[in-house]
Amino acid sequence: MTVSIDMGTKTNGFNATLDLEELLATRLLVQGNSGSGKSHLLRRLMEQSAPWVQQVVIDPEGDFVTLADHYGHVVVEATMNERELTMVAARVRQHRISVILNLEHLEPDRQLKAAAAFLNGLFDSDRNYWYPVLVVVDEAQMFAPAASGDFGEEARRVSLMAMTNLMCRGRKRGLAGIIATQRLAKLAKNVAAEATNFLMGRTFLDIDMQRASDLLGMERRQAEQFRNLQRGQFIALGPAMSRHPERVKIGEVVTAGRGGSPKLMPLPEQPLETAAELIFTPTENDPVLKNNKVTAPTATEVIAQLSQTAAKRLETQEKEQVSEPEDLFNHEEKQEKINGILSKILEEPEAGFLPVSQLYQDFQVRCRIERIASPDLAQFRKLLAVARAGVDKKEVDTSKWEQAQTIANHLPEDMRGVYLLLAKAAFAQECCPDDMDIAKAYGTRSPGRARWLLTHMEERGFIVCASDLRGNRIVTLPDLGCQTANS
């Protein structure tokens, strides 16, 4: 069945149509600077094709959630964990439901990981559910960057792999990628190269104009026309639209984004003498500031929280009149066995570089052999961080070490082992561990990634790095009030 989608009008006045069945087999790339009309184009395409094909939208700004009110899309808030997102994506394919993955409430690295988990769920679905799906990815240069630097290495890697699978291997699984980007130069070439349909909008940088003209098979001197395109105008080329480059004006849409274009409006009339008072005087209607940056609590704050928790627990026990005291001997014996199991696991040469999930499976098996109940995964991650740091409680003061563990438990998971390793060296007045020791605690063989993590931790305010006159690294842990020794 052939379905033609009306995208707008050509310069000769005829309708600009898009063959939907051909699009499913050949994919689409949309390019244009901010304000060129990319989101409007994608919205027109989705509105026109909604009755004919299932749609999945990866929406980093929450701009397309308004489609749900008119066309029955389900909005999936990406605040759940990655495993849940993968399972939701599998059910989306199974039941053929159009959805919008809303990523607007996440930090950039979390956006990449969430999008990758969802795309992997679509890609890895059972063969019985390989129905045709339009997978629309807005701001594709975020999820398939041409170079590292703007995002964490792990997030960039998993996202780029998921986007590559979508564009390179998705066709046989019924996945038709439609990717939109502000700059072709920032989009990974192996992702962009898989599209055979193009809609190129207004752009001004020479490198982007040249790449656009190359993709459209135009001469370099013709690239200047991309600067002269109006908002909503695109040069179309591809088997689903036109066999030669044609200028297209995108038609009107039914729904609208929540942002929209800024419009000029007069300023409110406000006497000059009261303007300063309005700015500097707090009111009940003041907005709550959102702090997206994760910061570690200070030692004083953590100790205060622990004191409050301990007092509440004691009060609850008194109310419940607990008659049997805790068996401290059995608890300590169990903890010693668990620590022994972890030590044996990490004695394996490759154990320091295996994924946490694989280590946890080994840990559970060993616990069953020892006939002890294994901690849950969250507790295991905390124990593993301590074990990777290679710290013996006898080596450091108990109260200081408990304080370091409490602070580490509030840090992101990948930083805990390294933080405890640095704390151990600082408590013992030893030199800062070298790059390879830090890399092992981080779970990698790369000293470069170890140095990157220290820089990342310093940017987040968890540590302060400096060098002595010989160039040796000195690390200060502000919340613990100590630092590693000079060499």
Protein backbone atom coordinates (compact mmCIF):
# COMPACT_ATOMS: atom_id res chain seq x y z
CA MET A 1 0.00 0.00 0.00
CA THR A 2 1.31 3.43 -0.96
CA VAL A 3 0.60 6.30 1.43
CA SER A 4 1.60 9.84 0.41
CA ILE A 5 2.11 12.38 3.18
CA ASP A 6 1.45 16.04 2.37
CA MET A 7 4.41 18.02 3.71
CA GLY A 8 3.60 21.40 2.12
CA THR A 9 4.16 23.07 -1.24
CA LYS A 10 6.97 23.24 -3.78
CA THR A 11 8.17 26.41 -5.48
CA ASN A 12 6.05 25.54 -8.55
CA GLY A 13 2.90 25.49 -6.41
CA PHE A 14 2.38 21.71 -6.42
CA ASN A 15 2.03 19.73 -3.22
CA ALA A 16 5.25 18.35 -1.74
CA THR A 17 4.44 14.73 -0.92
CA LEU A 18 6.43 12.10 0.93
CA ASP A 19 6.07 8.38 0.22
CA LEU A 20 5.63 6.89 3.69
CA GLU A 21 6.37 3.30 2.65
CA GLU A 22 9.59 4.38 0.94
CA LEU A 23 10.56 6.46 3.98
CA LEU A 24 10.30 3.39 6.22
CA ALA A 25 12.93 1.70 4.07
CA THR A 26 15.30 4.61 3.49
CA ARG A 27 15.29 6.86 6.63
CA LEU A 28 15.43 10.67 6.83
CA LEU A 29 17.92 13.34 7.96
CA VAL A 30 16.74 16.89 8.78
CA GLN A 31 19.26 19.69 9.26
CA GLY A 32 18.90 23.37 10.05
CA ASN A 33 20.05 26.03 12.51
CA SER A 34 17.98 26.93 15.52
CA GLY A 35 14.87 28.75 14.32
CA SER A 36 14.92 27.23 10.83
CA GLY A 37 11.74 25.21 11.46
CA LYS A 38 13.03 21.68 12.16
CA SER A 39 10.59 21.02 15.00
CA HIS A 40 7.74 22.36 12.86
CA LEU A 41 8.76 19.98 10.04
CA LEU A 42 8.90 16.98 12.38
CA ARG A 43 5.54 17.87 13.87
CA ARG A 44 3.98 18.14 10.38
CA LEU A 45 5.41 14.74 9.45
CA MET A 46 4.14 13.07 12.62
CA GLU A 47 0.70 14.63 12.43
CA GLN A 48 0.22 13.57 8.82
CA SER A 49 1.53 10.02 9.36
CA ALA A 50 -0.01 9.33 12.80
CA PRO A 51 -3.04 7.39 11.43
CA TRP A 52 -0.82 5.15 9.29
CA VAL A 53 2.22 4.10 11.29
CA GLN A 54 3.41 3.67 14.87
CA GLN A 55 5.64 6.51 16.11
CA VAL A 56 8.33 6.77 18.80
CA VAL A 57 9.73 10.23 19.58
CA ILE A 58 12.95 10.83 21.53
CA ASP A 59 12.23 14.31 22.88
CA PRO A 60 15.05 15.99 24.87
CA GLU A 61 13.14 19.25 25.46
CA GLY A 62 9.58 17.99 26.02
CA ASP A 63 8.47 19.88 22.93
CA PHE A 64 6.37 17.12 21.34
CA VAL A 65 4.30 15.98 24.33
CA THR A 66 1.38 18.04 23.00
CA LEU A 67 0.89 15.38 20.29
CA ALA A 68 -0.60 13.14 22.97
CA ASP A 69 -3.75 15.26 23.31
CA HIS A 70 -4.69 15.01 19.62
CA TYR A 71 -3.19 11.76 18.32
CA GLY A 72 -3.19 9.38 21.29
CA HIS A 73 0.55 9.19 21.95
CA VAL A 74 1.56 8.00 25.42
CA VAL A 75 4.09 10.22 27.18
CA VAL A 76 6.84 8.18 28.86
CA GLU A 77 8.65 10.20 31.52
CA ALA A 78 12.28 9.05 31.50
CA THR A 79 12.70 9.37 35.28
CA MET A 80 12.64 5.58 35.76
CA ASN A 81 15.79 3.47 35.74
CA GLU A 82 17.39 2.14 32.56
CA ARG A 83 16.13 -1.43 32.97
CA GLU A 84 12.55 -0.20 33.33
CA LEU A 85 12.92 1.98 30.22
CA THR A 86 14.16 -1.03 28.24
CA MET A 87 11.17 -3.10 29.36
CA VAL A 88 8.74 -0.29 28.51
CA ALA A 89 10.26 -0.04 25.03
CA ALA A 90 9.80 -3.78 24.51
CA ARG A 91 6.12 -3.48 25.44
CA VAL A 92 5.77 -0.47 23.11
CA ARG A 93 6.79 -2.67 20.18
CA GLN A 94 4.68 -5.58 21.34
CA HIS A 95 1.45 -3.56 21.60
CA ARG A 96 2.24 -1.10 18.75
CA ILE A 97 1.57 2.04 20.80
CA SER A 98 2.91 5.43 19.72
CA VAL A 99 4.92 7.08 22.51
CA ILE A 100 6.97 10.17 23.32
CA LEU A 101 10.02 9.67 25.54
CA ASN A 102 10.22 12.92 27.51
CA LEU A 103 13.79 13.61 28.66
CA GLU A 104 13.44 17.24 29.71
CA HIS A 105 13.80 16.62 33.46
CA LEU A 106 17.15 14.81 33.21
CA GLU A 107 20.75 16.02 33.17
CA PRO A 108 22.53 15.65 29.80
CA ASP A 109 24.40 12.45 30.69
CA ARG A 110 21.23 10.86 32.05
CA GLN A 111 19.39 11.91 28.89
CA LEU A 112 21.89 9.99 26.76
CA LYS A 113 21.73 6.88 28.93
CA ALA A 114 17.92 6.92 29.09
CA ALA A 115 17.59 7.36 25.32
CA ALA A 116 20.10 4.56 24.73
CA ALA A 117 18.22 2.19 27.05
CA PHE A 118 14.93 2.93 25.30
CA LEU A 119 16.36 2.57 21.79
CA ASN A 120 18.02 -0.70 22.79
CA GLY A 121 14.67 -1.97 24.03
CA LEU A 122 13.12 -1.18 20.64
CA PHE A 123 16.05 -2.71 18.77
CA ASP A 124 16.26 -5.93 20.82
CA SER A 125 12.55 -6.76 20.72
CA ASP A 126 11.37 -10.21 19.70
CA ARG A 127 11.24 -10.90 15.95
CA ASN A 128 7.47 -11.42 16.18
CA TYR A 129 7.05 -7.71 16.97
CA TRP A 130 9.15 -6.22 14.19
CA TYR A 131 6.32 -3.98 12.95
CA PRO A 132 7.16 -0.72 11.12
CA VAL A 133 7.91 2.21 13.45
CA LEU A 134 8.98 5.79 12.78
CA VAL A 135 11.66 6.60 15.37
CA VAL A 136 12.06 10.39 15.53
CA VAL A 137 15.14 11.72 17.33
CA ASP A 138 15.25 15.48 17.83
CA GLU A 139 18.62 17.16 18.53
CA ALA A 140 20.39 14.07 17.22
CA GLN A 141 23.83 15.68 17.61
CA MET A 142 23.39 15.15 21.37
CA PHE A 143 22.76 11.41 21.10
CA ALA A 144 25.27 10.74 18.28
CA PRO A 145 28.04 13.32 18.77
CA ALA A 146 30.89 13.42 16.27
CA ALA A 147 33.45 13.95 19.05
CA SER A 148 33.70 13.43 22.80
CA GLY A 149 34.03 16.23 25.30
CA ASP A 150 30.54 17.56 25.99
CA PHE A 151 29.31 14.45 27.81
CA GLY A 152 30.66 11.64 29.97
CA GLU A 153 32.52 9.00 28.00
CA GLU A 154 30.28 6.12 29.09
CA ALA A 155 27.06 7.99 28.31
CA ARG A 156 28.39 9.10 24.91
CA ARG A 157 29.50 5.57 24.03
CA VAL A 158 26.21 3.80 24.85
CA SER A 159 24.13 6.51 23.17
CA LEU A 160 26.24 6.52 20.00
CA MET A 161 26.03 2.72 19.81
CA ALA A 162 22.23 2.81 20.15
CA MET A 163 21.92 5.49 17.44
CA THR A 164 24.24 3.54 15.15
CA ASN A 165 22.11 0.42 15.59
CA LEU A 166 18.98 2.46 14.81
CA MET A 167 20.32 3.94 11.58
CA CYS A 168 22.54 1.09 10.35
CA ARG A 169 20.70 -2.06 11.42
CA GLY A 170 17.22 -0.87 12.32
CA ARG A 171 15.61 -1.26 8.87
CA LYS A 172 15.36 -5.05 9.04
CA ARG A 173 13.70 -4.70 12.44
CA GLY A 174 11.12 -2.25 11.12
CA LEU A 175 12.76 0.80 12.71
CA ALA A 176 12.90 3.83 10.42
CA GLY A 177 15.16 6.51 11.87
CA ILE A 178 14.24 10.18 11.40
CA ILE A 179 16.98 12.33 12.90
CA ALA A 180 17.09 16.11 13.17
CA THR A 181 20.19 18.13 13.98
CA GLN A 182 21.23 21.76 14.19
CA ARG A 183 24.70 21.10 12.79
CA LEU A 184 25.87 18.31 10.52
CA ALA A 185 29.45 18.87 11.65
CA LYS A 186 28.50 17.83 15.21
CA LEU A 187 26.66 14.67 14.10
CA ALA A 188 28.57 11.38 13.83
CA LYS A 189 29.23 10.66 10.17
CA ASN A 190 28.41 6.93 10.33
CA VAL A 191 24.95 7.85 11.66
CA ALA A 192 24.25 10.60 9.12
CA ALA A 193 25.53 8.53 6.20
CA GLU A 194 22.80 5.90 6.56
CA ALA A 195 20.01 8.33 5.62
CA THR A 196 19.05 8.53 1.95
CA ASN A 197 16.35 11.19 2.31
CA PHE A 198 17.33 14.75 3.23
CA LEU A 199 15.56 17.95 4.19
CA MET A 200 18.17 20.69 4.56
CA GLY A 201 17.13 23.98 6.12
CA ARG A 202 18.79 27.32 6.76
CA THR A 203 22.42 27.23 7.92
CA PHE A 204 25.25 29.75 7.85
CA LEU A 205 28.55 28.04 8.72
CA ASP A 206 30.67 27.09 5.72
CA ILE A 207 31.45 23.58 7.01
CA ASP A 208 27.75 22.79 7.47
CA MET A 209 26.79 24.23 4.07
CA GLN A 210 29.51 22.19 2.38
CA ARG A 211 28.44 18.95 4.08
CA ALA A 212 24.81 19.67 3.18
CA SER A 213 25.68 20.30 -0.47
CA ASP A 214 27.81 17.14 -0.57
CA LEU A 215 24.95 15.03 0.79
CA LEU A 216 22.56 16.50 -1.78
CA GLY A 217 25.04 16.03 -4.63
CA MET A 218 25.18 19.78 -5.34
CA GLU A 219 28.16 21.82 -6.45
CA ARG A 220 30.02 23.82 -3.82
CA ARG A 221 29.00 27.14 -5.38
CA GLN A 222 25.34 26.16 -4.91
CA ALA A 223 25.82 25.82 -1.14
CA GLU A 224 25.23 29.56 -0.69
CA GLN A 225 21.50 29.03 -1.17
CA PHE A 226 21.24 27.48 2.32
CA ARG A 227 21.88 30.93 3.79
CA ASN A 228 18.92 32.40 1.90
CA LEU A 229 16.27 29.89 2.99
CA GLN A 230 13.36 31.31 4.95
CA ARG A 231 12.02 29.83 8.16
CA GLY A 232 10.11 26.65 7.27
CA GLN A 233 11.80 26.25 3.87
CA PHE A 234 13.93 23.16 3.17
CA ILE A 235 15.78 21.64 0.23
CA ALA A 236 14.38 18.12 -0.26
CA LEU A 237 16.08 15.16 -1.88
CA GLY A 238 15.61 11.41 -1.69
CA PRO A 239 13.65 8.46 -3.06
CA ALA A 240 10.75 9.16 -0.72
CA MET A 241 10.41 12.80 -1.89
CA SER A 242 12.26 13.90 -5.00
CA ARG A 243 14.96 12.60 -7.36
CA HIS A 244 16.59 16.02 -7.60
CA PRO A 245 16.93 18.86 -5.04
CA GLU A 246 13.71 20.89 -4.69
CA ARG A 247 12.77 23.72 -2.39
CA VAL A 248 9.81 22.89 -0.12
CA LYS A 249 7.71 25.13 2.13
CA ILE A 250 6.42 23.08 5.09
CA GLY A 251 2.68 23.34 5.67
CA GLU A 252 0.71 24.24 8.79
CA VAL A 253 0.37 22.02 11.86
CA VAL A 254 -2.54 21.28 14.20
CA THR A 255 -0.64 21.09 17.48
CA ALA A 256 1.95 23.49 18.85
CA GLY A 257 5.05 23.11 20.97
CA ARG A 258 5.12 24.34 24.54
CA GLY A 259 8.01 26.70 23.85
CA GLY A 260 7.21 28.48 20.62
CA SER A 261 9.00 31.41 19.07
CA PRO A 262 9.60 34.53 21.17
CA LYS A 263 7.29 37.43 20.34
CA LEU A 264 7.91 41.09 21.05
CA MET A 265 5.59 42.65 23.62
CA PRO A 266 5.68 45.98 25.52
CA LEU A 267 7.37 46.06 28.92
CA PRO A 268 5.08 46.52 31.95
CA GLU A 269 4.80 50.05 33.24
CA GLN A 270 6.74 50.17 36.49
CA PRO A 271 7.81 53.27 38.50
CA LEU A 272 11.58 53.50 38.74
CA GLU A 273 11.59 53.99 42.52
CA THR A 274 9.84 50.64 43.16
CA ALA A 275 11.78 48.53 40.62
CA ALA A 276 14.69 47.80 42.97
CA GLU A 277 12.31 46.95 45.80
CA LEU A 278 10.52 44.38 43.63
CA ILE A 279 13.82 42.67 42.77
CA PHE A 280 15.47 42.51 46.19
CA THR A 281 12.47 41.93 48.47
CA PRO A 282 11.53 38.23 48.93
CA THR A 283 7.86 37.29 48.59
CA GLU A 284 5.70 34.21 49.17
CA ASN A 285 5.42 33.64 45.41
CA ASP A 286 9.17 33.40 44.76
CA PRO A 287 10.00 30.41 42.54
CA VAL A 288 11.95 27.54 44.06
CA LEU A 289 15.38 27.42 42.50
CA LYS A 290 16.24 24.10 40.90
CA ASN A 291 19.74 22.84 41.66
CA ASN A 292 20.52 20.17 39.09
CA LYS A 293 24.11 19.84 40.23
CA VAL A 294 24.70 16.88 42.51
CA THR A 295 26.78 17.93 45.52
CA ALA A 296 28.01 15.85 48.40
CA PRO A 297 26.75 16.81 51.88
CA THR A 298 29.30 18.11 54.33
CA ALA A 299 30.45 15.87 57.16
CA THR A 300 28.52 17.99 59.68
CA GLU A 301 25.28 17.58 57.72
CA VAL A 302 25.75 13.82 57.38
CA ILE A 303 26.45 13.37 61.11
CA ALA A 304 23.36 15.44 61.94
CA GLN A 305 21.23 13.27 59.62
CA LEU A 306 22.61 10.11 61.21
CA SER A 307 21.87 11.42 64.70
CA GLN A 308 18.28 12.17 63.75
CA THR A 309 17.85 8.75 62.15
CA ALA A 310 19.31 6.98 65.18
CA ALA A 311 17.03 8.90 67.54
CA LYS A 312 13.95 8.01 65.48
CA ARG A 313 14.97 4.35 65.35
CA LEU A 314 15.46 4.24 69.13
CA GLU A 315 12.09 5.89 69.68
CA THR A 316 10.39 3.34 67.39
CA GLN A 317 12.03 0.42 69.20
CA GLU A 318 10.86 1.73 72.56
CA LYS A 319 7.30 2.04 71.30
CA GLU A 320 7.33 -1.47 69.91
CA GLN A 321 8.91 -2.76 73.15
CA VAL A 322 11.47 -4.92 71.45
CA SER A 323 12.34 -7.61 74.01
CA GLU A 324 15.02 -9.56 72.16
CA PRO A 325 18.34 -7.75 71.67
CA GLU A 326 20.18 -7.95 68.36
CA ASP A 327 22.55 -10.88 68.06
CA LEU A 328 25.76 -8.90 67.52
CA PHE A 329 27.93 -11.97 67.31
CA ASN A 330 25.98 -13.46 64.41
CA HIS A 331 25.91 -10.11 62.62
CA GLU A 332 29.68 -9.68 62.92
CA GLU A 333 30.31 -13.25 61.84
CA LYS A 334 28.09 -12.79 58.79
CA GLN A 335 29.86 -9.55 57.91
CA GLU A 336 33.25 -11.23 58.13
CA LYS A 337 32.10 -13.98 55.78
CA ILE A 338 30.74 -11.44 53.30
CA ASN A 339 34.00 -9.47 53.40
CA GLY A 340 35.92 -12.70 52.88
CA ILE A 341 33.80 -13.58 49.85
CA LEU A 342 34.37 -10.14 48.34
CA SER A 343 38.11 -10.43 48.92
CA LYS A 344 38.23 -13.79 47.13
CA ILE A 345 36.24 -12.41 44.19
CA LEU A 346 38.55 -9.42 43.79
CA GLU A 347 41.64 -11.64 43.97
CA GLU A 348 40.78 -12.84 40.46
CA PRO A 349 42.97 -10.94 37.93
CA GLU A 350 40.04 -9.68 35.83
CA ALA A 351 37.58 -9.06 38.68
CA GLY A 352 38.44 -5.38 39.00
CA PHE A 353 37.30 -4.72 35.44
CA LEU A 354 34.08 -6.77 35.26
CA PRO A 355 30.60 -5.17 35.31
CA VAL A 356 28.92 -4.89 38.71
CA SER A 357 26.03 -7.10 37.57
CA GLN A 358 28.39 -9.96 36.72
CA LEU A 359 30.28 -9.61 40.01
CA TYR A 360 26.97 -9.62 41.90
CA GLN A 361 25.93 -12.91 40.29
CA ASP A 362 29.22 -14.50 41.37
CA PHE A 363 28.75 -13.01 44.84
CA GLN A 364 25.24 -14.47 45.18
CA VAL A 365 26.42 -17.94 44.22
CA ARG A 366 29.24 -17.85 46.79
CA CYS A 367 26.83 -16.60 49.48
CA ARG A 368 24.47 -19.53 48.78
CA ILE A 369 27.42 -21.92 49.10
CA GLU A 370 28.28 -20.37 52.48
CA ARG A 371 24.56 -20.54 53.44
CA ILE A 372 24.24 -16.85 54.24
CA ALA A 373 21.68 -14.40 52.89
CA SER A 374 23.27 -12.12 50.31
CA PRO A 375 22.71 -8.34 50.55
CA ASP A 376 20.68 -6.66 47.82
CA LEU A 377 22.35 -5.06 44.81
CA ALA A 378 22.39 -1.55 46.31
CA GLN A 379 24.16 -2.77 49.46
CA PHE A 380 26.52 -4.88 47.37
CA ARG A 381 27.59 -1.80 45.40
CA LYS A 382 28.55 -0.06 48.66
CA LEU A 383 30.49 -3.09 49.90
CA LEU A 384 32.21 -3.43 46.54
CA ALA A 385 33.36 0.20 46.63
CA VAL A 386 35.04 -0.43 50.01
CA ALA A 387 36.59 -3.68 48.80
CA ARG A 388 37.94 -2.09 45.61
CA ALA A 389 39.56 0.63 47.70
CA GLY A 390 41.47 -2.13 49.51
CA VAL A 391 40.87 -0.69 52.96
CA ASP A 392 41.24 -2.63 56.19
CA LYS A 393 39.38 -1.05 59.11
CA LYS A 394 42.36 -1.79 61.34
CA GLU A 395 44.49 0.57 59.28
CA VAL A 396 42.44 3.70 60.04
CA ASP A 397 40.53 5.26 62.90
CA THR A 398 37.04 3.72 63.12
CA SER A 399 35.13 6.98 63.55
CA LYS A 400 36.97 8.66 60.66
CA TRP A 401 36.41 5.68 58.40
CA GLU A 402 32.67 5.55 59.18
CA GLN A 403 32.49 9.24 58.33
CA ALA A 404 34.28 8.62 55.00
CA GLN A 405 31.93 5.73 54.16
CA THR A 406 28.86 7.81 54.97
CA ILE A 407 30.00 10.60 52.64
CA ALA A 408 30.97 8.10 49.92
CA ASN A 409 27.49 6.54 50.02
CA HIS A 410 26.05 9.90 48.96
CA LEU A 411 28.35 10.17 45.93
CA PRO A 412 27.61 8.83 42.45
CA GLU A 413 28.32 5.11 42.29
CA ASP A 414 31.38 5.31 40.01
CA MET A 415 33.13 7.70 42.43
CA ARG A 416 32.73 5.79 45.69
CA GLY A 417 35.66 3.39 45.44
CA VAL A 418 38.05 6.14 44.30
CA TYR A 419 36.88 8.49 47.09
CA LEU A 420 37.50 5.81 49.73
CA LEU A 421 40.91 5.02 48.23
CA LEU A 422 41.88 8.69 48.50
CA ALA A 423 40.45 8.86 52.03
CA LYS A 424 42.54 5.85 53.07
CA ALA A 425 45.73 7.50 51.78
CA ALA A 426 44.85 10.80 53.46
CA PHE A 427 44.08 9.18 56.84
CA ALA A 428 47.36 7.24 56.72
CA GLN A 429 49.31 10.36 55.64
CA GLU A 430 50.43 8.52 52.50
CA CYS A 431 51.07 9.91 49.01
CA CYS A 432 48.21 10.09 46.53
CA PRO A 433 47.68 6.73 44.76
CA ASP A 434 49.00 6.63 41.21
CA ASP A 435 46.82 6.60 38.10
CA MET A 436 46.76 2.80 37.79
CA ASP A 437 45.62 2.31 41.41
CA ILE A 438 42.86 4.87 40.88
CA ALA A 439 41.90 3.24 37.58
CA LYS A 440 41.57 -0.16 39.30
CA ALA A 441 39.31 1.33 42.00
CA TYR A 442 37.30 2.94 39.18
CA GLY A 443 36.99 -0.42 37.38
CA THR A 444 39.02 0.40 34.27
CA ARG A 445 42.45 -0.27 32.80
CA SER A 446 42.80 3.23 31.41
CA PRO A 447 44.89 5.71 33.44
CA GLY A 448 43.46 8.45 31.21
CA ARG A 449 39.94 7.69 32.44
CA ALA A 450 41.27 7.72 36.01
CA ARG A 451 42.66 11.23 35.52
CA TRP A 452 39.38 12.30 33.91
CA LEU A 453 37.45 11.03 36.94
CA LEU A 454 39.63 13.03 39.33
CA THR A 455 39.00 16.14 37.25
CA HIS A 456 35.26 15.38 37.22
CA MET A 457 35.22 14.89 41.01
CA GLU A 458 37.06 18.17 41.47
CA GLU A 459 34.57 20.00 39.24
CA ARG A 460 31.73 18.62 41.37
CA GLY A 461 33.41 19.87 44.56
CA PHE A 462 34.14 16.47 46.11
CA ILE A 463 37.95 16.86 46.10
CA VAL A 464 40.63 19.50 45.42
CA CYS A 465 43.70 18.52 43.40
CA ALA A 466 47.06 20.30 43.48
CA SER A 467 50.72 19.56 42.70
CA ASP A 468 53.89 20.06 44.70
CA LEU A 469 57.09 21.51 43.27
CA ARG A 470 58.06 18.11 41.88
CA GLY A 471 54.77 17.77 40.03
CA ASN A 472 53.40 15.07 42.36
CA ARG A 473 49.64 15.09 42.92
CA ILE A 474 48.17 16.13 46.28
CA VAL A 475 44.47 15.56 46.87
CA THR A 476 42.45 17.37 49.56
CA LEU A 477 39.12 16.01 50.78
CA PRO A 478 37.28 19.10 52.14
CA ASP A 479 34.46 17.23 53.89
CA LEU A 480 36.95 15.07 55.80
CA GLY A 481 39.39 17.91 56.50
CA CYS A 482 42.47 15.99 55.37
CA GLN A 483 44.75 15.55 52.39
CA THR A 484 47.28 13.11 50.97
CA ALA A 485 50.91 13.60 51.95
CA ASN A 486 53.67 15.31 50.01
CA SER A 487 56.21 12.92 48.50
